[in-house]
Amino acid sequence: TRLMLPPGTDTDAWLLSGGSAPAVDRAAGLRRARA
């Protein structure tokens, strides 16, 4: 998940949004995580 967040994302704020702001593309996140 983390590697798909835009640079500079406040992860505390992102978690408070329930992971919706911004939303993360899970398929793209998995591809990047595997790489």
PDB file of all heavy atoms in Angstrom:
ATOM      1  N   THR A   1       0.827  -1.208   0.000  1.00  0.00           N
ATOM      2  CA  THR A   1       0.000   0.000   0.000  1.00  0.00           C
ATOM      3  C   THR A   1       0.858   1.254   0.000  1.00  0.00           C
ATOM      4  O   THR A   1       0.641   2.179  -0.783  1.00  0.00           O
ATOM      5  CB  THR A   1      -0.919   0.008   1.239  1.00  0.00           C
ATOM      6  OG1 THR A   1      -1.802  -1.115   1.189  1.00  0.00           O
ATOM      7  CG2 THR A   1      -1.730   1.280   1.304  1.00  0.00           C
ATOM      8  N   ARG A   2       1.862   1.290   0.873  1.00  0.00           N
ATOM      9  CA  ARG A   2       2.652   2.507   1.077  1.00  0.00           C
ATOM     10  C   ARG A   2       3.332   2.995  -0.195  1.00  0.00           C
ATOM     11  O   ARG A   2       3.394   4.207  -0.468  1.00  0.00           O
ATOM     12  CB  ARG A   2       3.706   2.244   2.162  1.00  0.00           C
ATOM     13  CG  ARG A   2       4.466   3.470   2.604  1.00  0.00           C
ATOM     14  CD  ARG A   2       5.549   3.133   3.612  1.00  0.00           C
ATOM     15  NE  ARG A   2       6.673   2.418   3.012  1.00  0.00           N
ATOM     16  CZ  ARG A   2       6.972   1.152   3.240  1.00  0.00           C
ATOM     17  NH1 ARG A   2       6.220   0.428   4.050  1.00  0.00           N
ATOM     18  NH2 ARG A   2       8.021   0.592   2.668  1.00  0.00           N
ATOM     19  N   LEU A   3       3.843   2.072  -1.006  1.00  0.00           N
ATOM     20  CA  LEU A   3       4.581   2.475  -2.201  1.00  0.00           C
ATOM     21  C   LEU A   3       3.697   3.109  -3.267  1.00  0.00           C
ATOM     22  O   LEU A   3       4.207   3.700  -4.212  1.00  0.00           O
ATOM     23  CB  LEU A   3       5.326   1.265  -2.787  1.00  0.00           C
ATOM     24  CG  LEU A   3       6.477   0.728  -1.940  1.00  0.00           C
ATOM     25  CD1 LEU A   3       7.079  -0.515  -2.578  1.00  0.00           C
ATOM     26  CD2 LEU A   3       7.553   1.799  -1.741  1.00  0.00           C
ATOM     27  N   MET A   4       2.369   2.985  -3.129  1.00  0.00           N
ATOM     28  CA  MET A   4       1.458   3.616  -4.077  1.00  0.00           C
ATOM     29  C   MET A   4       0.976   4.989  -3.607  1.00  0.00           C
ATOM     30  O   MET A   4       0.317   5.705  -4.368  1.00  0.00           O
ATOM     31  CB  MET A   4       0.246   2.717  -4.330  1.00  0.00           C
ATOM     32  CG  MET A   4       0.539   1.479  -5.147  1.00  0.00           C
ATOM     33  SD  MET A   4       1.313   1.831  -6.758  1.00  0.00           S
ATOM     34  CE  MET A   4       0.034   2.824  -7.547  1.00  0.00           C
ATOM     35  N   LEU A   5       1.275   5.360  -2.375  1.00  0.00           N
ATOM     36  CA  LEU A   5       0.854   6.668  -1.898  1.00  0.00           C
ATOM     37  C   LEU A   5       1.714   7.759  -2.538  1.00  0.00           C
ATOM     38  O   LEU A   5       2.930   7.600  -2.676  1.00  0.00           O
ATOM     39  CB  LEU A   5       0.976   6.742  -0.376  1.00  0.00           C
ATOM     40  CG  LEU A   5       0.013   5.840   0.410  1.00  0.00           C
ATOM     41  CD1 LEU A   5       0.344   5.887   1.900  1.00  0.00           C
ATOM     42  CD2 LEU A   5      -1.432   6.252   0.171  1.00  0.00           C
ATOM     43  N   PRO A   6       1.112   8.874  -2.949  1.00  0.00           N
ATOM     44  CA  PRO A   6       1.891   9.952  -3.566  1.00  0.00           C
ATOM     45  C   PRO A   6       2.985  10.437  -2.633  1.00  0.00           C
ATOM     46  O   PRO A   6       2.802  10.437  -1.402  1.00  0.00           O
ATOM     47  CB  PRO A   6       0.842  11.048  -3.813  1.00  0.00           C
ATOM     48  CG  PRO A   6      -0.470  10.329  -3.846  1.00  0.00           C
ATOM     49  CD  PRO A   6      -0.324   9.178  -2.880  1.00  0.00           C
ATOM     50  N   PRO A   7       4.134  10.860  -3.168  1.00  0.00           N
ATOM     51  CA  PRO A   7       5.217  11.380  -2.327  1.00  0.00           C
ATOM     52  C   PRO A   7       4.708  12.498  -1.422  1.00  0.00           C
ATOM     53  O   PRO A   7       3.942  13.363  -1.857  1.00  0.00           O
ATOM     54  CB  PRO A   7       6.239  11.906  -3.343  1.00  0.00           C
ATOM     55  CG  PRO A   7       5.975  11.109  -4.583  1.00  0.00           C
ATOM     56  CD  PRO A   7       4.499  10.857  -4.605  1.00  0.00           C
ATOM     57  N   GLY A   8       5.141  12.447  -0.171  1.00  0.00           N
ATOM     58  CA  GLY A   8       4.738  13.479   0.776  1.00  0.00           C
ATOM     59  C   GLY A   8       3.411  13.230   1.465  1.00  0.00           C
ATOM     60  O   GLY A   8       2.963  14.053   2.273  1.00  0.00           O
ATOM     61  N   THR A   9       2.770  12.098   1.170  1.00  0.00           N
ATOM     62  CA  THR A   9       1.488  11.794   1.808  1.00  0.00           C
ATOM     63  C   THR A   9       1.649  11.699   3.331  1.00  0.00           C
ATOM     64  O   THR A   9       2.567  11.051   3.825  1.00  0.00           O
ATOM     65  CB  THR A   9       0.923  10.460   1.283  1.00  0.00           C
ATOM     66  OG1 THR A   9       0.653  10.577  -0.117  1.00  0.00           O
ATOM     67  CG2 THR A   9      -0.378  10.103   1.994  1.00  0.00           C
ATOM     68  N   ASP A  10       0.759  12.356   4.043  1.00  0.00           N
ATOM     69  CA  ASP A  10       0.714  12.236   5.502  1.00  0.00           C
ATOM     70  C   ASP A  10      -0.008  10.927   5.813  1.00  0.00           C
ATOM     71  O   ASP A  10      -1.239  10.841   5.692  1.00  0.00           O
ATOM     72  CB  ASP A  10      -0.039  13.429   6.090  1.00  0.00           C
ATOM     73  CG  ASP A  10      -0.116  13.402   7.620  1.00  0.00           C
ATOM     74  OD1 ASP A  10       0.040  12.308   8.203  1.00  0.00           O
ATOM     75  OD2 ASP A  10      -0.356  14.463   8.216  1.00  0.00           O
ATOM     76  N   THR A  11       0.733   9.901   6.190  1.00  0.00           N
ATOM     77  CA  THR A  11       0.111   8.591   6.395  1.00  0.00           C
ATOM     78  C   THR A  11      -0.858   8.592   7.574  1.00  0.00           C
ATOM     79  O   THR A  11      -1.828   7.822   7.582  1.00  0.00           O
ATOM     80  CB  THR A  11       1.174   7.491   6.590  1.00  0.00           C
ATOM     81  OG1 THR A  11       2.051   7.856   7.662  1.00  0.00           O
ATOM     82  CG2 THR A  11       1.982   7.288   5.316  1.00  0.00           C
ATOM     83  N   ASP A  12      -0.622   9.453   8.570  1.00  0.00           N
ATOM     84  CA  ASP A  12      -1.573   9.537   9.680  1.00  0.00           C
ATOM     85  C   ASP A  12      -2.926  10.046   9.185  1.00  0.00           C
ATOM     86  O   ASP A  12      -3.970   9.505   9.541  1.00  0.00           O
ATOM     87  CB  ASP A  12      -1.028  10.453  10.777  1.00  0.00           C
ATOM     88  CG  ASP A  12       0.143   9.850  11.523  1.00  0.00           C
ATOM     89  OD1 ASP A  12       0.143   8.616  11.726  1.00  0.00           O
ATOM     90  OD2 ASP A  12       1.067  10.592  11.896  1.00  0.00           O
ATOM     91  N   ALA A  13      -2.894  11.091   8.352  1.00  0.00           N
ATOM     92  CA  ALA A  13      -4.141  11.620   7.796  1.00  0.00           C
ATOM     93  C   ALA A  13      -4.788  10.597   6.866  1.00  0.00           C
ATOM     94  O   ALA A  13      -6.019  10.448   6.842  1.00  0.00           O
ATOM     95  CB  ALA A  13      -3.869  12.927   7.054  1.00  0.00           C
ATOM     96  N   TRP A  14      -3.954   9.892   6.112  1.00  0.00           N
ATOM     97  CA  TRP A  14      -4.487   8.883   5.186  1.00  0.00           C
ATOM     98  C   TRP A  14      -5.187   7.763   5.962  1.00  0.00           C
ATOM     99  O   TRP A  14      -6.276   7.319   5.580  1.00  0.00           O
ATOM    100  CB  TRP A  14      -3.340   8.324   4.338  1.00  0.00           C
ATOM    101  CG  TRP A  14      -3.765   7.250   3.394  1.00  0.00           C
ATOM    102  CD1 TRP A  14      -4.408   7.405   2.199  1.00  0.00           C
ATOM    103  CD2 TRP A  14      -3.594   5.844   3.591  1.00  0.00           C
ATOM    104  NE1 TRP A  14      -4.647   6.183   1.627  1.00  0.00           N
ATOM    105  CE2 TRP A  14      -4.160   5.210   2.452  1.00  0.00           C
ATOM    106  CE3 TRP A  14      -3.026   5.066   4.579  1.00  0.00           C
ATOM    107  CZ2 TRP A  14      -4.165   3.824   2.304  1.00  0.00           C
ATOM    108  CZ3 TRP A  14      -3.024   3.688   4.440  1.00  0.00           C
ATOM    109  CH2 TRP A  14      -3.593   3.077   3.318  1.00  0.00           C
ATOM    110  N   LEU A  15      -4.578   7.315   7.044  1.00  0.00           N
ATOM    111  CA  LEU A  15      -5.206   6.280   7.860  1.00  0.00           C
ATOM    112  C   LEU A  15      -6.510   6.775   8.477  1.00  0.00           C
ATOM    113  O   LEU A  15      -7.497   6.045   8.561  1.00  0.00           O
ATOM    114  CB  LEU A  15      -4.248   5.807   8.945  1.00  0.00           C
ATOM    115  CG  LEU A  15      -3.080   4.917   8.486  1.00  0.00           C
ATOM    116  CD1 LEU A  15      -2.059   4.758   9.598  1.00  0.00           C
ATOM    117  CD2 LEU A  15      -3.580   3.555   8.031  1.00  0.00           C
ATOM    118  N   LEU A  16      -6.524   8.034   8.914  1.00  0.00           N
ATOM    119  CA  LEU A  16      -7.744   8.591   9.482  1.00  0.00           C
ATOM    120  C   LEU A  16      -8.873   8.635   8.455  1.00  0.00           C
ATOM    121  O   LEU A  16     -10.051   8.552   8.810  1.00  0.00           O
ATOM    122  CB  LEU A  16      -7.484   9.996  10.036  1.00  0.00           C
ATOM    123  CG  LEU A  16      -6.779  10.076  11.397  1.00  0.00           C
ATOM    124  CD1 LEU A  16      -6.450  11.521  11.731  1.00  0.00           C
ATOM    125  CD2 LEU A  16      -7.645   9.466  12.491  1.00  0.00           C
ATOM    126  N   SER A  17      -8.515   8.744   7.174  1.00  0.00           N
ATOM    127  CA  SER A  17      -9.533   8.753   6.115  1.00  0.00           C
ATOM    128  C   SER A  17     -10.019   7.347   5.789  1.00  0.00           C
ATOM    129  O   SER A  17     -10.872   7.177   4.916  1.00  0.00           O
ATOM    130  CB  SER A  17      -8.972   9.404   4.847  1.00  0.00           C
ATOM    131  OG  SER A  17      -8.111   8.509   4.143  1.00  0.00           O
ATOM    132  N   GLY A  18      -9.477   6.359   6.492  1.00  0.00           N
ATOM    133  CA  GLY A  18      -9.834   4.979   6.192  1.00  0.00           C
ATOM    134  C   GLY A  18      -9.217   4.494   4.897  1.00  0.00           C
ATOM    135  O   GLY A  18      -9.691   3.528   4.288  1.00  0.00           O
ATOM    136  N   GLY A  19      -8.137   5.158   4.477  1.00  0.00           N
ATOM    137  CA  GLY A  19      -7.461   4.774   3.235  1.00  0.00           C
ATOM    138  C   GLY A  19      -8.164   5.263   1.988  1.00  0.00           C
ATOM    139  O   GLY A  19      -7.882   4.769   0.890  1.00  0.00           O
ATOM    140  N   SER A  20      -9.011   6.260   2.123  1.00  0.00           N
ATOM    141  CA  SER A  20      -9.782   6.739   0.963  1.00  0.00           C
ATOM    142  C   SER A  20      -9.273   8.049   0.381  1.00  0.00           C
ATOM    143  O   SER A  20      -9.685   8.434  -0.718  1.00  0.00           O
ATOM    144  CB  SER A  20     -11.253   6.918   1.366  1.00  0.00           C
ATOM    145  OG  SER A  20     -11.385   7.925   2.367  1.00  0.00           O
ATOM    146  N   ALA A  21      -8.397   8.740   1.086  1.00  0.00           N
ATOM    147  CA  ALA A  21      -7.925  10.034   0.599  1.00  0.00           C
ATOM    148  C   ALA A  21      -6.398  10.111   0.689  1.00  0.00           C
ATOM    149  O   ALA A  21      -5.866  10.523   1.717  1.00  0.00           O
ATOM    150  CB  ALA A  21      -8.569  11.159   1.411  1.00  0.00           C
ATOM    151  N   PRO A  22      -5.680   9.705  -0.358  1.00  0.00           N
ATOM    152  CA  PRO A  22      -6.216   9.221  -1.639  1.00  0.00           C
ATOM    153  C   PRO A  22      -6.510   7.708  -1.583  1.00  0.00           C
ATOM    154  O   PRO A  22      -5.963   6.988  -0.750  1.00  0.00           O
ATOM    155  CB  PRO A  22      -5.079   9.500  -2.609  1.00  0.00           C
ATOM    156  CG  PRO A  22      -3.851   9.338  -1.770  1.00  0.00           C
ATOM    157  CD  PRO A  22      -4.215   9.860  -0.390  1.00  0.00           C
ATOM    158  N   ALA A  23      -7.349   7.272  -2.505  1.00  0.00           N
ATOM    159  CA  ALA A  23      -7.593   5.838  -2.659  1.00  0.00           C
ATOM    160  C   ALA A  23      -6.376   5.188  -3.301  1.00  0.00           C
ATOM    161  O   ALA A  23      -5.664   5.819  -4.081  1.00  0.00           O
ATOM    162  CB  ALA A  23      -8.831   5.606  -3.519  1.00  0.00           C
ATOM    163  N   VAL A  24      -6.129   3.924  -2.957  1.00  0.00           N
ATOM    164  CA  VAL A  24      -4.977   3.200  -3.488  1.00  0.00           C
ATOM    165  C   VAL A  24      -5.460   2.076  -4.393  1.00  0.00           C
ATOM    166  O   VAL A  24      -6.341   1.295  -4.021  1.00  0.00           O
ATOM    167  CB  VAL A  24      -4.113   2.628  -2.341  1.00  0.00           C
ATOM    168  CG1 VAL A  24      -3.024   1.722  -2.881  1.00  0.00           C
ATOM    169  CG2 VAL A  24      -3.494   3.760  -1.529  1.00  0.00           C
ATOM    170  N   ASP A  25      -4.881   2.003  -5.584  1.00  0.00           N
ATOM    171  CA  ASP A  25      -5.163   0.915  -6.530  1.00  0.00           C
ATOM    172  C   ASP A  25      -4.430  -0.329  -6.027  1.00  0.00           C
ATOM    173  O   ASP A  25      -3.207  -0.407  -6.106  1.00  0.00           O
ATOM    174  CB  ASP A  25      -4.683   1.320  -7.921  1.00  0.00           C
ATOM    175  CG  ASP A  25      -4.977   0.273  -8.980  1.00  0.00           C
ATOM    176  OD1 ASP A  25      -5.037  -0.920  -8.658  1.00  0.00           O
ATOM    177  OD2 ASP A  25      -5.121   0.662 -10.158  1.00  0.00           O
ATOM    178  N   ARG A  26      -5.180  -1.305  -5.508  1.00  0.00           N
ATOM    179  CA  ARG A  26      -4.531  -2.459  -4.878  1.00  0.00           C
ATOM    180  C   ARG A  26      -3.768  -3.310  -5.878  1.00  0.00           C
ATOM    181  O   ARG A  26      -2.706  -3.843  -5.565  1.00  0.00           O
ATOM    182  CB  ARG A  26      -5.575  -3.305  -4.140  1.00  0.00           C
ATOM    183  CG  ARG A  26      -6.069  -2.645  -2.875  1.00  0.00           C
ATOM    184  CD  ARG A  26      -6.830  -3.619  -2.004  1.00  0.00           C
ATOM    185  NE  ARG A  26      -7.207  -2.988  -0.741  1.00  0.00           N
ATOM    186  CZ  ARG A  26      -7.836  -3.621   0.231  1.00  0.00           C
ATOM    187  NH1 ARG A  26      -8.152  -4.908   0.088  1.00  0.00           N
ATOM    188  NH2 ARG A  26      -8.144  -2.993   1.349  1.00  0.00           N
ATOM    189  N   ALA A  27      -4.281  -3.453  -7.081  1.00  0.00           N
ATOM    190  CA  ALA A  27      -3.579  -4.255  -8.086  1.00  0.00           C
ATOM    191  C   ALA A  27      -2.257  -3.602  -8.450  1.00  0.00           C
ATOM    192  O   ALA A  27      -1.219  -4.266  -8.565  1.00  0.00           O
ATOM    193  CB  ALA A  27      -4.456  -4.438  -9.319  1.00  0.00           C
ATOM    194  N   ALA A  28      -2.282  -2.278  -8.627  1.00  0.00           N
ATOM    195  CA  ALA A  28      -1.043  -1.561  -8.942  1.00  0.00           C
ATOM    196  C   ALA A  28      -0.083  -1.613  -7.763  1.00  0.00           C
ATOM    197  O   ALA A  28       1.138  -1.724  -7.935  1.00  0.00           O
ATOM    198  CB  ALA A  28      -1.358  -0.113  -9.316  1.00  0.00           C
ATOM    199  N   GLY A  29      -0.638  -1.536  -6.550  1.00  0.00           N
ATOM    200  CA  GLY A  29       0.204  -1.608  -5.360  1.00  0.00           C
ATOM    201  C   GLY A  29       0.892  -2.952  -5.229  1.00  0.00           C
ATOM    202  O   GLY A  29       2.069  -3.028  -4.864  1.00  0.00           O
ATOM    203  N   LEU A  30       0.162  -4.017  -5.544  1.00  0.00           N
ATOM    204  CA  LEU A  30       0.758  -5.340  -5.466  1.00  0.00           C
ATOM    205  C   LEU A  30       1.850  -5.501  -6.521  1.00  0.00           C
ATOM    206  O   LEU A  30       2.908  -6.074  -6.240  1.00  0.00           O
ATOM    207  CB  LEU A  30      -0.316  -6.414  -5.649  1.00  0.00           C
ATOM    208  CG  LEU A  30       0.169  -7.869  -5.581  1.00  0.00           C
ATOM    209  CD1 LEU A  30       0.895  -8.146  -4.272  1.00  0.00           C
ATOM    210  CD2 LEU A  30      -1.011  -8.825  -5.746  1.00  0.00           C
ATOM    211  N   ARG A  31       1.617  -5.005  -7.714  1.00  0.00           N
ATOM    212  CA  ARG A  31       2.643  -5.090  -8.763  1.00  0.00           C
ATOM    213  C   ARG A  31       3.916  -4.375  -8.321  1.00  0.00           C
ATOM    214  O   ARG A  31       5.023  -4.895  -8.462  1.00  0.00           O
ATOM    215  CB  ARG A  31       2.113  -4.477 -10.064  1.00  0.00           C
ATOM    216  CG  ARG A  31       3.113  -4.537 -11.214  1.00  0.00           C
ATOM    217  CD  ARG A  31       2.576  -3.851 -12.459  1.00  0.00           C
ATOM    218  NE  ARG A  31       3.550  -3.856 -13.552  1.00  0.00           N
ATOM    219  CZ  ARG A  31       3.516  -4.687 -14.583  1.00  0.00           C
ATOM    220  NH1 ARG A  31       2.555  -5.591 -14.686  1.00  0.00           N
ATOM    221  NH2 ARG A  31       4.451  -4.620 -15.523  1.00  0.00           N
ATOM    222  N   ARG A  32       3.749  -3.192  -7.749  1.00  0.00           N
ATOM    223  CA  ARG A  32       4.917  -2.423  -7.305  1.00  0.00           C
ATOM    224  C   ARG A  32       5.601  -3.116  -6.119  1.00  0.00           C
ATOM    225  O   ARG A  32       6.836  -3.142  -6.024  1.00  0.00           O
ATOM    226  CB  ARG A  32       4.477  -1.008  -6.929  1.00  0.00           C
ATOM    227  CG  ARG A  32       5.623  -0.065  -6.645  1.00  0.00           C
ATOM    228  CD  ARG A  32       5.152   1.375  -6.572  1.00  0.00           C
ATOM    229  NE  ARG A  32       4.869   1.923  -7.906  1.00  0.00           N
ATOM    230  CZ  ARG A  32       4.521   3.188  -8.137  1.00  0.00           C
ATOM    231  NH1 ARG A  32       4.393   4.030  -7.123  1.00  0.00           N
ATOM    232  NH2 ARG A  32       4.300   3.614  -9.362  1.00  0.00           N
ATOM    233  N   ALA A  33       4.805  -3.690  -5.210  1.00  0.00           N
ATOM    234  CA  ALA A  33       5.384  -4.380  -4.058  1.00  0.00           C
ATOM    235  C   ALA A  33       6.203  -5.588  -4.502  1.00  0.00           C
ATOM    236  O   ALA A  33       7.281  -5.867  -3.946  1.00  0.00           O
ATOM    237  CB  ALA A  33       4.279  -4.816  -3.103  1.00  0.00           C
ATOM    238  N   ARG A  34       5.704  -6.329  -5.468  1.00  0.00           N
ATOM    239  CA  ARG A  34       6.444  -7.496  -5.972  1.00  0.00           C
ATOM    240  C   ARG A  34       7.769  -7.056  -6.593  1.00  0.00           C
ATOM    241  O   ARG A  34       8.813  -7.698  -6.401  1.00  0.00           O
ATOM    242  CB  ARG A  34       5.586  -8.256  -6.977  1.00  0.00           C
ATOM    243  CG  ARG A  34       4.421  -9.010  -6.357  1.00  0.00           C
ATOM    244  CD  ARG A  34       3.371  -9.412  -7.393  1.00  0.00           C
ATOM    245  NE  ARG A  34       3.910 -10.242  -8.453  1.00  0.00           N
ATOM    246  CZ  ARG A  34       3.710 -11.550  -8.585  1.00  0.00           C
ATOM    247  NH1 ARG A  34       2.980 -12.199  -7.684  1.00  0.00           N
ATOM    248  NH2 ARG A  34       4.223 -12.226  -9.599  1.00  0.00           N
ATOM    249  N   ALA A  35       7.742  -5.962  -7.327  1.00  0.00           N
ATOM    250  CA  ALA A  35       8.977  -5.448  -7.927  1.00  0.00           C
ATOM    251  C   ALA A  35       9.952  -4.991  -6.852  1.00  0.00           C
ATOM    252  O   ALA A  35      11.170  -5.232  -6.949  1.00  0.00           O
ATOM    253  CB  ALA A  35       8.646  -4.294  -8.876  1.00  0.00           C
TER     254      ALA A  35
END
